[in-house]
Amino acid sequence: MEYVYASLILYHAGREITEENVRKILEAAGIQVDEVRLKALVASLKEVNIGEAIKTAAIPVAAAPATAASTSAPAPATEGKKEEEKKEEKKEEAPEESIEEGLSSLFGF
């Protein structure tokens, strides 16, 4: 990821994305540079229009939770109460009889 971030920093600064420039950013951040990854990244980005890729990208990560929250309809209050009542009933239904039956089947009583 750090290689992509370094490339985006260069793009934002209006600098050319070259191996040397990416290496400088990574080294300045204290990251040990993997030459193979560096060469592969720079070679793959030569054919990519980063500005266009950013514009046509899917929903930005920062906006995703807000979008999902605004499109969902609020649940009626009665549904929440019903679910809570069901949970309470299930908790109360942990009878000792079922535990005893389970133990007796294990030991053949």
Protein backbone atom coordinates (compact mmCIF):
# COMPACT_ATOMS: atom_id res chain seq x y z
CA MET A 1 0.00 0.00 0.00
CA GLU A 2 2.81 2.37 0.83
CA TYR A 3 3.99 2.25 -2.78
CA VAL A 4 0.57 3.31 -4.02
CA TYR A 5 0.40 6.07 -1.41
CA ALA A 6 3.81 7.36 -2.48
CA SER A 7 2.58 7.42 -6.08
CA LEU A 8 -0.53 9.36 -5.09
CA ILE A 9 1.58 11.88 -3.21
CA LEU A 10 3.69 12.41 -6.31
CA TYR A 11 0.58 12.75 -8.47
CA HIS A 12 -0.95 15.28 -6.08
CA ALA A 13 2.30 17.27 -6.02
CA GLY A 14 2.37 17.33 -9.82
CA ARG A 15 5.58 15.32 -9.93
CA GLU A 16 6.43 12.51 -12.32
CA ILE A 17 6.00 9.02 -10.89
CA THR A 18 9.43 7.50 -11.35
CA GLU A 19 11.33 4.84 -9.46
CA GLU A 20 13.66 7.47 -8.03
CA ASN A 21 10.84 9.73 -6.80
CA VAL A 22 8.86 6.88 -5.24
CA ARG A 23 12.05 5.56 -3.61
CA LYS A 24 12.77 8.98 -2.06
CA ILE A 25 9.32 9.15 -0.49
CA LEU A 26 9.48 5.62 0.85
CA GLU A 27 12.97 6.08 2.28
CA ALA A 28 11.94 9.38 3.87
CA ALA A 29 9.16 7.46 5.63
CA GLY A 30 11.65 4.88 6.87
CA ILE A 31 10.41 2.09 4.61
CA GLN A 32 12.87 -0.41 3.17
CA VAL A 33 12.32 -0.35 -0.59
CA ASP A 34 11.69 -3.60 -2.45
CA GLU A 35 13.15 -2.99 -5.92
CA VAL A 36 10.91 -5.55 -7.62
CA ARG A 37 7.74 -4.02 -6.22
CA LEU A 38 8.99 -0.54 -7.05
CA LYS A 39 9.71 -1.41 -10.69
CA ALA A 40 6.40 -3.25 -11.07
CA LEU A 41 4.43 -0.33 -9.66
CA VAL A 42 6.08 2.31 -11.82
CA ALA A 43 5.73 0.16 -14.94
CA SER A 44 2.05 -0.51 -14.29
CA LEU A 45 1.26 3.15 -13.59
CA LYS A 46 2.78 4.36 -16.87
CA GLU A 47 -0.38 3.30 -18.70
CA VAL A 48 -2.82 4.59 -16.07
CA ASN A 49 -4.39 8.03 -16.06
CA ILE A 50 -4.46 8.50 -12.29
CA GLY A 51 -6.70 11.57 -12.42
CA GLU A 52 -9.31 9.69 -14.43
CA ALA A 53 -8.99 6.61 -12.21
CA ILE A 54 -9.67 8.73 -9.12
CA LYS A 55 -12.73 10.35 -10.72
CA THR A 56 -14.24 7.04 -11.82
CA ALA A 57 -13.34 5.14 -8.66
CA ALA A 58 -16.09 3.50 -6.66
CA ILE A 59 -17.45 5.12 -3.52
CA PRO A 60 -14.64 6.64 -1.48
CA VAL A 61 -13.99 4.80 1.77
CA ALA A 62 -14.68 7.87 3.88
CA ALA A 63 -18.09 8.40 2.27
CA ALA A 64 -19.20 4.76 2.33
CA PRO A 65 -20.52 4.61 5.91
CA ALA A 66 -22.39 7.90 5.55
CA THR A 67 -23.99 6.78 2.30
CA ALA A 68 -25.08 3.45 3.71
CA ALA A 69 -26.52 5.08 6.81
CA SER A 70 -28.49 7.69 4.90
CA THR A 71 -30.11 5.22 2.52
CA SER A 72 -31.40 2.78 5.12
CA ALA A 73 -34.88 3.30 6.50
CA PRO A 74 -35.23 3.51 10.27
CA ALA A 75 -36.65 0.39 11.88
CA PRO A 76 -39.95 0.73 13.70
CA ALA A 77 -39.59 0.78 17.48
CA THR A 78 -41.93 -2.17 17.94
CA GLU A 79 -39.62 -4.53 16.06
CA GLY A 80 -36.75 -3.78 18.41
CA LYS A 81 -38.93 -4.44 21.45
CA LYS A 82 -40.12 -7.76 20.03
CA GLU A 83 -36.56 -8.88 19.39
CA GLU A 84 -35.53 -7.96 22.94
CA GLU A 85 -38.47 -9.90 24.37
CA LYS A 86 -37.53 -12.97 22.33
CA LYS A 87 -33.95 -12.78 23.58
CA GLU A 88 -35.13 -12.54 27.18
CA GLU A 89 -37.44 -15.53 26.71
CA LYS A 90 -34.60 -17.59 25.28
CA LYS A 91 -32.38 -16.71 28.21
CA GLU A 92 -35.10 -17.76 30.66
CA GLU A 93 -35.68 -21.02 28.79
CA ALA A 94 -32.32 -22.50 29.74
CA PRO A 95 -34.05 -24.90 32.15
CA GLU A 96 -32.19 -27.25 34.39
CA GLU A 97 -34.28 -30.11 33.03
CA SER A 98 -32.61 -29.95 29.63
CA ILE A 99 -29.20 -29.93 31.29
CA GLU A 100 -30.13 -32.94 33.40
CA GLU A 101 -31.50 -34.76 30.34
CA GLY A 102 -28.27 -34.08 28.48
CA LEU A 103 -26.16 -35.40 31.33
CA SER A 104 -28.31 -38.48 31.77
CA SER A 105 -27.99 -39.35 28.09
CA LEU A 106 -24.22 -39.10 28.37
CA PHE A 107 -23.98 -41.43 31.33
CA GLY A 108 -26.91 -43.73 30.48
CA PHE A 109 -29.20 -42.86 33.40
